[in-house]
Protein backbone atom coordinates (compact mmCIF):
# COMPACT_ATOMS: atom_id res chain seq x y z
CA UNK A 1 56.36 123.23 112.81
CA UNK A 2 55.62 126.31 114.88
CA UNK A 3 55.42 125.48 118.59
CA UNK A 4 54.10 128.94 119.63
CA UNK A 5 51.50 129.63 116.94
CA UNK A 6 48.55 129.65 119.44
CA UNK A 7 48.85 130.87 123.04
CA UNK A 8 45.70 128.92 123.95
CA UNK A 9 47.22 125.76 122.49
CA UNK A 10 50.24 126.18 124.73
CA UNK A 11 48.00 126.45 127.81
CA UNK A 12 45.98 123.28 127.05
CA UNK A 13 46.90 120.69 129.74
CA UNK A 14 45.92 117.83 127.41
CA UNK A 15 48.34 116.83 124.61
CA UNK A 16 47.07 118.69 121.52
CA UNK A 17 48.13 120.10 118.17
CA UNK A 18 46.86 122.27 115.34
CA UNK A 19 46.44 120.66 111.91
CA UNK A 20 46.09 122.32 108.48
CA UNK A 21 43.35 121.28 106.06
CA UNK A 22 45.76 118.76 104.48
CA UNK A 23 46.47 117.25 107.95
CA UNK A 24 49.92 118.86 108.08
CA UNK A 25 50.88 119.67 111.73
CA UNK A 26 51.11 123.40 112.24
CA UNK A 27 51.82 123.57 115.98
CA UNK A 28 51.75 121.32 119.06
CA UNK A 29 51.61 122.15 122.75
CA UNK A 30 54.24 121.27 125.38
CA UNK A 31 52.22 118.29 126.71
CA UNK A 32 52.25 116.57 123.31
CA UNK A 33 55.84 117.60 122.62
CA UNK A 34 56.88 115.86 125.86
CA UNK A 35 55.39 112.61 124.55
CA UNK A 36 57.23 113.01 121.27
CA UNK A 37 60.54 113.82 122.99
CA UNK A 38 60.28 110.77 125.25
CA UNK A 39 59.06 108.24 122.70
CA UNK A 40 58.12 107.70 119.05
CA UNK A 41 57.83 110.47 116.48
CA UNK A 42 54.67 112.56 116.18
CA UNK A 43 53.39 110.50 113.23
CA UNK A 44 53.23 107.42 115.47
CA UNK A 45 50.88 109.19 117.89
CA UNK A 46 48.44 110.26 115.18
CA UNK A 47 45.78 107.96 113.63
CA UNK A 48 46.85 106.23 110.43
CA UNK A 49 43.86 107.80 108.63
CA UNK A 50 44.51 111.24 110.12
CA UNK A 51 44.20 113.03 106.73
CA UNK A 52 40.79 111.46 106.03
CA UNK A 53 39.59 112.34 109.52
CA UNK A 54 40.66 116.01 109.07
CA UNK A 55 38.89 116.27 105.70
CA UNK A 56 35.70 114.72 107.11
CA UNK A 57 35.83 117.00 110.12
CA UNK A 58 36.12 120.15 107.96
CA UNK A 59 33.60 119.02 105.36
CA UNK A 60 30.91 118.01 107.88
CA UNK A 61 31.62 120.90 110.30
CA UNK A 62 31.52 118.58 113.31
CA UNK A 63 33.92 117.15 115.86
CA UNK A 64 35.05 113.52 115.58
CA UNK A 65 35.74 111.99 119.00
CA UNK A 66 37.33 108.88 120.57
CA UNK A 67 39.62 107.86 117.72
CA UNK A 68 41.88 105.20 119.24
CA UNK A 69 45.61 104.93 118.61
CA UNK A 70 47.88 102.30 120.22
CA UNK A 71 51.51 103.26 120.77
CA UNK A 72 53.30 100.35 122.32
CA UNK A 73 51.36 99.48 125.49
CA UNK A 74 49.80 102.92 125.55
CA UNK A 75 46.30 103.71 124.27
CA UNK A 76 45.34 107.29 123.43
CA UNK A 77 41.99 108.69 122.28
CA UNK A 78 41.91 111.64 119.83
CA UNK A 79 39.19 114.23 119.32
CA UNK A 80 39.33 116.40 116.16
CA UNK A 81 37.54 119.81 116.31
CA UNK A 82 37.17 122.06 113.17
CA UNK A 83 37.47 125.88 113.36
CA UNK A 84 34.73 128.22 112.19
CA UNK A 85 36.52 129.12 108.94
CA UNK A 86 36.95 125.49 107.93
CA UNK A 87 40.70 125.93 107.48
CA UNK A 88 42.23 124.27 110.54
CA UNK A 89 41.50 121.41 112.98
CA UNK A 90 42.39 121.19 116.64
CA UNK A 91 43.43 117.69 117.68
CA UNK A 92 43.29 116.85 121.39
CA UNK A 93 44.12 113.50 122.92
CA UNK A 94 44.16 111.81 126.31
CA UNK A 95 45.85 108.74 127.72
CA UNK A 96 43.10 106.08 128.01
CA UNK A 97 45.42 103.13 128.70
CA UNK A 98 44.07 102.36 132.19
CA UNK A 99 40.47 102.92 131.12
CA UNK A 100 40.64 100.71 128.02
CA UNK A 101 42.73 98.06 129.75
CA UNK A 102 40.17 97.98 132.56
CA UNK A 103 37.39 97.64 130.01
CA UNK A 104 39.22 94.77 128.33
CA UNK A 105 39.78 93.02 131.67
CA UNK A 106 36.14 93.52 132.58
CA UNK A 107 35.08 92.10 129.23
CA UNK A 108 37.37 89.08 129.70
CA UNK A 109 36.00 88.60 133.22
CA UNK A 110 32.42 88.76 131.94
CA UNK A 111 33.20 86.17 129.27
CA UNK A 112 34.88 83.95 131.89
CA UNK A 113 31.98 84.25 134.35
CA UNK A 114 29.48 83.59 131.56
CA UNK A 115 31.49 80.55 130.49
CA UNK A 116 31.56 79.22 134.05
CA UNK A 117 27.89 79.89 134.77
CA UNK A 118 26.65 78.47 131.47
CA UNK A 119 28.73 75.29 131.74
CA UNK A 120 28.82 74.49 135.47
CA UNK A 121 26.96 71.36 136.56
CA UNK A 122 25.74 73.13 139.73
CA UNK A 123 22.77 75.45 139.77
CA UNK A 124 23.77 79.06 140.44
CA UNK A 125 20.82 81.28 141.33
CA UNK A 126 19.92 84.72 142.66
CA UNK A 127 17.03 85.32 145.04
CA UNK A 128 15.14 88.23 146.53
CA UNK A 129 15.07 88.52 150.36
CA UNK A 130 11.53 87.07 150.39
CA UNK A 131 12.79 83.88 148.72
CA UNK A 132 11.87 84.28 145.05
CA UNK A 133 14.09 83.43 142.10
CA UNK A 134 15.56 86.46 140.33
CA UNK A 135 17.70 84.47 137.93
CA UNK A 136 19.25 81.03 137.50
CA UNK A 137 21.95 79.36 135.43
CA UNK A 138 21.16 76.95 132.56
CA UNK A 139 21.92 73.99 134.86
CA UNK A 140 18.40 74.51 136.22
CA UNK A 141 16.96 72.47 133.38
CA UNK A 142 19.32 69.52 133.88
CA UNK A 143 18.82 69.47 137.66
CA UNK A 144 15.17 70.49 138.01
CA UNK A 145 13.67 70.16 134.55
CA UNK A 146 12.85 73.88 134.57
CA UNK A 147 14.37 76.59 132.38
CA UNK A 148 15.74 79.75 134.06
CA UNK A 149 12.85 81.72 132.55
CA UNK A 150 10.37 79.42 134.29
CA UNK A 151 12.09 79.87 137.65
CA UNK A 152 12.11 83.68 137.63
CA UNK A 153 9.56 84.96 140.14
CA UNK A 154 8.92 81.47 141.55
CA UNK A 155 9.02 81.07 145.35
CA UNK A 156 11.77 78.73 146.54
CA UNK A 157 9.43 77.20 149.14
CA UNK A 158 7.26 75.67 146.40
CA UNK A 159 10.19 73.45 145.34
CA UNK A 160 11.02 72.15 148.83
CA UNK A 161 9.54 69.02 150.41
CA UNK A 162 6.42 69.91 152.46
CA UNK A 163 7.77 68.19 155.59
CA UNK A 164 11.03 70.16 155.45
CA UNK A 165 10.32 73.55 153.92
CA UNK A 166 9.34 75.39 157.10
CA UNK A 167 12.34 74.07 159.04
CA UNK A 168 15.03 74.64 156.41
CA UNK A 169 13.73 78.08 155.38
CA UNK A 170 13.59 79.28 158.98
CA UNK A 171 17.13 78.03 159.62
CA UNK A 172 18.41 79.63 156.42
CA UNK A 173 16.75 82.99 157.12
CA UNK A 174 18.20 83.16 160.64
CA UNK A 175 21.72 82.16 159.54
CA UNK A 176 21.80 84.52 156.53
CA UNK A 177 20.63 87.44 158.64
CA UNK A 178 23.17 86.76 161.39
CA UNK A 179 26.20 85.26 159.62
CA UNK A 180 25.61 86.13 155.99
CA UNK A 181 26.00 82.54 154.76
CA UNK A 182 24.34 79.16 155.23
CA UNK A 183 24.59 75.62 153.87
CA UNK A 184 21.61 73.30 154.07
CA UNK A 185 20.71 69.80 152.92
CA UNK A 186 17.12 69.26 151.79
CA UNK A 187 14.89 67.62 149.22
CA UNK A 188 13.98 69.63 146.11
CA UNK A 189 11.12 68.80 143.76
CA UNK A 190 11.83 68.31 140.06
CA UNK A 191 9.42 69.25 137.28
CA UNK A 192 8.64 65.56 136.74
CA UNK A 193 7.36 65.36 140.32
CA UNK A 194 10.10 63.40 142.12
CA UNK A 195 12.38 64.72 144.86
CA UNK A 196 16.18 64.79 144.89
CA UNK A 197 18.56 65.65 147.75
CA UNK A 198 20.38 68.94 147.27
CA UNK A 199 23.14 70.72 149.16
CA UNK A 200 22.47 74.45 148.89
CA UNK A 201 25.14 76.97 149.89
CA UNK A 202 23.84 80.54 150.11
CA UNK A 203 25.42 83.92 150.78
CA UNK A 204 23.65 87.18 151.58
CA UNK A 205 24.40 90.36 149.62
CA UNK A 206 23.93 93.37 151.90
CA UNK A 207 23.18 97.03 151.30
CA UNK A 208 26.38 98.99 151.88
CA UNK A 209 25.15 101.49 154.47
CA UNK A 210 22.25 99.79 156.28
CA UNK A 211 23.54 96.22 156.14
CA UNK A 212 20.10 94.95 155.13
CA UNK A 213 20.00 91.79 152.99
CA UNK A 214 19.04 92.87 149.47
CA UNK A 215 19.82 89.68 147.55
CA UNK A 216 20.86 86.07 148.11
CA UNK A 217 23.19 84.10 145.84
CA UNK A 218 22.98 80.30 146.05
CA UNK A 219 24.88 77.35 144.60
CA UNK A 220 22.84 74.13 144.58
CA UNK A 221 24.31 70.68 144.01
CA UNK A 222 22.48 67.38 143.56
CA UNK A 223 23.89 65.06 146.27
CA UNK A 224 21.31 62.27 146.02
CA UNK A 225 23.95 59.65 145.22
CA UNK A 226 26.08 60.84 148.12
CA UNK A 227 23.12 60.65 150.52
CA UNK A 228 22.24 57.16 149.32
CA UNK A 229 25.85 56.01 149.70
CA UNK A 230 25.97 57.57 153.17
CA UNK A 231 22.75 55.81 154.17
CA UNK A 232 24.06 52.47 152.88
CA UNK A 233 27.27 52.99 154.86
CA UNK A 234 25.28 53.94 157.96
CA UNK A 235 23.11 50.84 157.60
CA UNK A 236 26.18 48.63 157.26
CA UNK A 237 27.64 50.29 160.34
CA UNK A 238 24.41 49.59 162.28
CA UNK A 239 24.58 45.93 161.28
CA UNK A 240 28.21 45.76 162.41
CA UNK A 241 27.35 47.53 165.68
CA UNK A 242 24.55 45.10 166.50
CA UNK A 243 26.87 42.23 165.69
CA UNK A 244 29.33 43.57 168.25
CA UNK A 245 26.49 44.01 170.76
CA UNK A 246 25.05 40.55 170.09
CA UNK A 247 25.83 39.24 173.59
CA UNK A 248 24.06 42.14 175.28
CA UNK A 249 21.09 41.94 172.92
CA UNK A 250 20.77 38.19 173.50
CA UNK A 251 20.90 38.81 177.25
CA UNK A 252 18.19 41.49 177.07
CA UNK A 253 15.90 39.19 175.06
CA UNK A 254 16.75 36.08 177.09
CA UNK A 255 15.68 37.67 180.39
CA UNK A 256 11.98 38.13 179.52
CA UNK A 257 11.88 34.76 177.72
CA UNK A 258 13.31 33.02 180.77
CA UNK A 259 10.72 34.80 182.95
CA UNK A 260 7.95 33.65 180.58
CA UNK A 261 9.10 30.03 180.97
CA UNK A 262 9.25 30.33 184.77
CA UNK A 263 5.79 31.90 185.05
CA UNK A 264 4.35 29.30 182.65
CA UNK A 265 5.80 26.41 184.71
CA UNK A 266 4.50 27.94 187.93
CA UNK A 267 1.04 28.41 186.42
CA UNK A 268 0.95 24.78 185.35
CA UNK A 269 1.74 23.68 188.90
CA UNK A 270 -1.01 25.90 190.30
CA UNK A 271 -3.47 24.47 187.76
CA UNK A 272 -2.72 20.93 188.97
CA UNK A 273 -3.61 21.92 192.55
CA UNK A 274 -6.63 23.98 191.57
CA UNK A 275 -9.09 21.72 193.46
CA UNK A 276 -7.02 21.63 196.68
CA UNK A 277 -5.88 25.29 196.79
CA UNK A 278 -8.57 27.99 196.40
CA UNK A 279 -5.82 30.63 195.82
CA UNK A 280 -4.40 28.72 192.84
CA UNK A 281 -6.85 30.38 190.42
CA UNK A 282 -5.64 33.84 191.49
CA UNK A 283 -2.00 32.81 191.18
CA UNK A 284 -2.58 31.39 187.70
CA UNK A 285 -4.13 34.71 186.69
CA UNK A 286 -1.15 36.60 188.10
CA UNK A 287 1.23 34.28 186.25
CA UNK A 288 -0.57 34.83 182.94
CA UNK A 289 -0.48 38.61 183.52
CA UNK A 290 3.28 38.50 184.09
CA UNK A 291 3.78 36.27 181.06
CA UNK A 292 1.97 38.91 179.00
CA UNK A 293 4.16 41.68 180.46
CA UNK A 294 7.44 39.83 179.80
CA UNK A 295 6.39 38.78 176.31
CA UNK A 296 5.45 42.40 175.55
CA UNK A 297 8.84 43.53 176.84
CA UNK A 298 10.62 41.02 174.56
CA UNK A 299 8.51 42.17 171.62
CA UNK A 300 9.43 45.80 172.35
CA UNK A 301 13.13 44.91 172.37
CA UNK A 302 12.80 43.18 169.00
CA UNK A 303 10.72 46.05 167.63
CA UNK A 304 13.37 48.58 168.71
CA UNK A 305 16.09 46.51 167.08
CA UNK A 306 14.12 46.22 163.85
CA UNK A 307 13.56 49.99 163.85
CA UNK A 308 17.26 50.57 164.46
CA UNK A 309 18.11 48.30 161.52
CA UNK A 310 15.60 50.03 159.25
CA UNK A 311 16.96 50.73 155.79
CA UNK A 312 15.17 53.40 153.85
CA UNK A 313 15.18 57.09 153.01
CA UNK A 314 15.95 59.37 155.91
CA UNK A 315 12.95 60.93 157.61
CA UNK A 316 13.70 64.31 159.15
CA UNK A 317 11.17 65.08 161.87
CA UNK A 318 10.68 66.60 165.31
CA UNK A 319 12.14 64.30 167.98
CA UNK A 320 12.04 64.19 171.78
CA UNK A 321 15.72 64.28 172.69
CA UNK A 322 15.20 62.38 175.93
CA UNK A 323 13.53 59.45 174.11
CA UNK A 324 16.38 59.21 171.61
CA UNK A 325 19.03 59.41 174.33
CA UNK A 326 17.33 56.71 176.42
CA UNK A 327 17.13 54.38 173.42
CA UNK A 328 20.83 54.84 172.63
CA UNK A 329 21.69 54.17 176.26
CA UNK A 330 19.57 50.99 176.24
CA UNK A 331 21.45 49.65 173.23
CA UNK A 332 24.84 49.97 174.93
CA UNK A 333 23.72 49.30 178.52
CA UNK A 334 25.04 45.73 178.61
CA UNK A 335 28.42 46.79 177.16
CA UNK A 336 28.71 49.58 179.74
CA UNK A 337 27.82 47.19 182.59
CA UNK A 338 30.38 44.66 181.39
CA UNK A 339 33.15 47.28 181.59
CA UNK A 340 31.82 48.79 184.86
CA UNK A 341 31.07 52.11 183.19
CA UNK A 342 28.15 54.08 184.55
CA UNK A 343 26.41 56.58 182.27
CA UNK A 344 25.24 59.73 184.06
CA UNK A 345 22.43 61.48 182.21
CA UNK A 346 21.83 65.22 182.58
CA UNK A 347 19.02 66.52 180.40
CA UNK A 348 17.55 69.98 180.93
CA UNK A 349 13.86 70.17 181.74
CA UNK A 350 11.50 71.15 178.90
CA UNK A 351 14.12 70.60 176.23
CA UNK A 352 12.70 71.55 172.79
CA UNK A 353 12.25 68.94 170.09
CA UNK A 354 15.19 68.54 167.72
CA UNK A 355 15.07 68.15 163.94
CA UNK A 356 16.67 64.90 162.72
CA UNK A 357 16.14 61.33 161.52
CA UNK A 358 15.45 59.18 164.59
CA UNK A 359 17.39 56.08 163.58
CA UNK A 360 20.42 58.02 162.33
CA UNK A 361 20.49 60.22 165.45
CA UNK A 362 20.32 57.10 167.66
CA UNK A 363 23.21 55.70 165.64
CA UNK A 364 25.27 58.86 166.21
CA UNK A 365 24.65 58.85 169.96
CA UNK A 366 25.31 55.10 170.22
CA UNK A 367 28.60 55.59 168.40
CA UNK A 368 29.65 58.42 170.74
CA UNK A 369 28.69 56.39 173.83
CA UNK A 370 30.53 53.27 172.66
CA UNK A 371 33.63 55.32 171.85
CA UNK A 372 33.47 56.75 175.37
CA UNK A 373 33.09 53.28 176.88
CA UNK A 374 36.15 52.09 174.93
CA UNK A 375 38.15 55.11 176.10
CA UNK A 376 37.21 54.48 179.75
CA UNK A 377 38.14 50.80 179.46
CA UNK A 378 41.51 51.75 177.95
CA UNK A 379 42.23 54.15 180.82
CA UNK A 380 40.69 52.33 183.79
CA UNK A 381 40.65 48.66 182.81
CA UNK A 382 38.18 46.79 185.05
CA UNK A 383 37.91 49.61 187.59
CA UNK A 384 34.60 51.53 187.78
CA UNK A 385 34.43 54.73 185.70
CA UNK A 386 31.84 57.21 184.51
CA UNK A 387 30.53 58.80 181.31
CA UNK A 388 28.54 62.04 181.36
CA UNK A 389 25.84 62.51 178.72
CA UNK A 390 24.37 66.03 178.89
CA UNK A 391 21.76 67.79 176.74
CA UNK A 392 20.96 71.49 177.18
CA UNK A 393 19.31 74.27 175.20
CA UNK A 394 21.87 76.57 173.59
CA UNK A 395 20.62 79.54 171.60
CA UNK A 396 18.43 78.26 168.78
CA UNK A 397 19.72 74.69 169.10
CA UNK A 398 20.27 71.79 171.50
CA UNK A 399 23.80 70.95 172.62
CA UNK A 400 24.56 67.31 173.41
CA UNK A 401 27.89 66.42 175.03
CA UNK A 402 29.40 63.00 175.74
CA UNK A 403 32.33 63.29 178.16
CA UNK A 404 34.53 60.29 178.98
CA UNK A 405 37.30 59.63 181.50
CA UNK A 406 39.67 58.17 178.94
CA UNK A 407 43.24 59.11 177.97
CA UNK A 408 42.02 62.09 175.94
CA UNK A 409 43.35 63.48 172.65
CA UNK A 410 46.11 66.05 172.12
CA UNK A 411 44.77 69.52 171.23
CA UNK A 412 46.46 69.51 167.82
CA UNK A 413 44.76 66.22 166.93
CA UNK A 414 41.20 67.10 167.93
CA UNK A 415 40.14 67.79 164.35
CA UNK A 416 42.00 64.78 162.98
CA UNK A 417 39.75 62.32 164.81
CA UNK A 418 36.94 63.23 162.40
CA UNK A 419 39.07 62.36 159.36
CA UNK A 420 37.95 59.09 157.71
CA UNK A 421 40.13 56.03 158.44
CA UNK A 422 41.83 57.78 161.38
CA UNK A 423 41.59 55.63 164.51
CA UNK A 424 43.54 54.66 167.63
CA UNK A 425 41.75 51.31 167.93
CA UNK A 426 43.58 48.19 166.77
CA UNK A 427 40.42 46.78 165.16
CA UNK A 428 38.75 50.07 164.19
CA UNK A 429 38.13 51.44 160.71
CA UNK A 430 38.10 55.11 161.73
CA UNK A 431 34.73 55.80 160.10
CA UNK A 432 32.51 56.24 163.16
CA UNK A 433 33.21 59.88 164.01
CA UNK A 434 33.53 61.05 160.41
CA UNK A 435 30.21 59.39 159.56
CA UNK A 436 28.58 60.83 162.70
CA UNK A 437 29.68 64.34 161.71
CA UNK A 438 28.33 63.89 158.16
CA UNK A 439 24.98 62.60 159.46
CA UNK A 440 24.54 65.47 161.92
CA UNK A 441 25.54 68.06 159.32
CA UNK A 442 22.85 66.55 157.11
CA UNK A 443 20.35 67.51 159.84
CA UNK A 444 21.65 71.10 159.83
CA UNK A 445 23.80 70.57 162.92
CA UNK A 446 27.51 70.26 163.72
CA UNK A 447 29.91 67.99 165.62
CA UNK A 448 33.26 68.85 167.20
CA UNK A 449 35.48 67.74 170.07
CA UNK A 450 37.30 69.41 172.93
CA UNK A 451 39.48 68.34 175.81
CA UNK A 452 37.70 67.65 179.08
CA UNK A 453 38.35 70.03 181.98
CA UNK A 454 39.52 67.11 184.14
CA UNK A 455 41.00 65.04 181.33
CA UNK A 456 39.34 62.77 178.84
CA UNK A 457 37.54 63.81 175.67
CA UNK A 458 34.24 65.65 175.21
CA UNK A 459 32.46 65.18 171.88
CA UNK A 460 29.89 67.92 171.26
CA UNK A 461 26.91 67.64 168.97
CA UNK A 462 24.77 70.67 168.20
CA UNK A 463 21.32 69.92 166.75
CA UNK A 464 18.80 72.27 165.19
CA UNK A 465 15.54 72.84 167.06
CA UNK A 466 12.41 71.79 165.24
CA UNK A 467 10.36 74.74 164.02
CA UNK A 468 7.48 72.67 162.72
């Protein structure tokens, strides 16, 4: 084979050769010769049907491109070009190993992603910045009763519960714009008409240069069973809490009942002397008025306890933080007085309404206050001590802090106290703080702890502001 037959062939940077009409190699350039010298013979680099390709190329007077040949782990692509006289063919090739391998990997990745998306039990969806479905995985039918084709173009807000949609969408929009991700818990309507609780984790896809949100990808999971189990656990915890506070509750109810008995006895005595004492009629009226006031007070205590023990679906709504705080303090007032613990309340003026379930939020605050009382008793015994309960506006939320004067927690263990079944109490289950964190996160908030500046522990609870 002549290696110098064509000067142009020698100058071609791509591996190439000149073939006769019978596919016999006439000349090859240095680039192709280097491949042959370093590896297999020339025949191994050429297509197995090289002769047929040369004949077709000459007969049809056209080039034949992208003929693939695999040599070991190498992939080369040949292009065969006929000359004007129809006597010879120029064969040029290029190393396409990286290109073809990348294409194969991309194809495998697409098959894997398709397999995951089509078989996952969670709903994976894409949304436009204005909150409309662009696409959804097949799980949409199992979870919502709607096919992906039915969801395309639909506004997300139409699937959310009317009492929650404004709040959760406003929170999500703010978080996605600022942080690029957001997780929310809300009720989603199914095609049959009922609502299920979903946990929806979303991430914003931004435009490379401007940073504007151009698309949102969400993963939605049905957590109805988890919410129901959490509510059952919370209700059981409320029952246990009221059992532990039974003495204080009995005392709070006994006081107005004892006053009712005293006023009733006094009124009877005044009635017996009605003819002798002209003021007796006035005193009887005053006694009946006070009986009404004390009976109303006792009824309010019982009504508050019944509300606290309510078992039912959570109701997320706008709440006055001061009212909730005062109710939690009332429930543990007797326990605090018994241990000589004073609760100092610092609530900022004109605090915005928070978004939560009233009973569950009361339960969280009661749990934090009782933990603080226990910590103070452990540190101070029967000596007087103090707990600080503060609530202030912080950004687009309300920050509530309960600071005790207890022994505190080591910095490396601050996160551990929220782990289920982790407790320092001899008779504790270690579920209070972990349950409190789960409940608050269900409202779109967060709970964490830090060491107090002068010792003790500060448990912080950040709640979302109501936007309704």
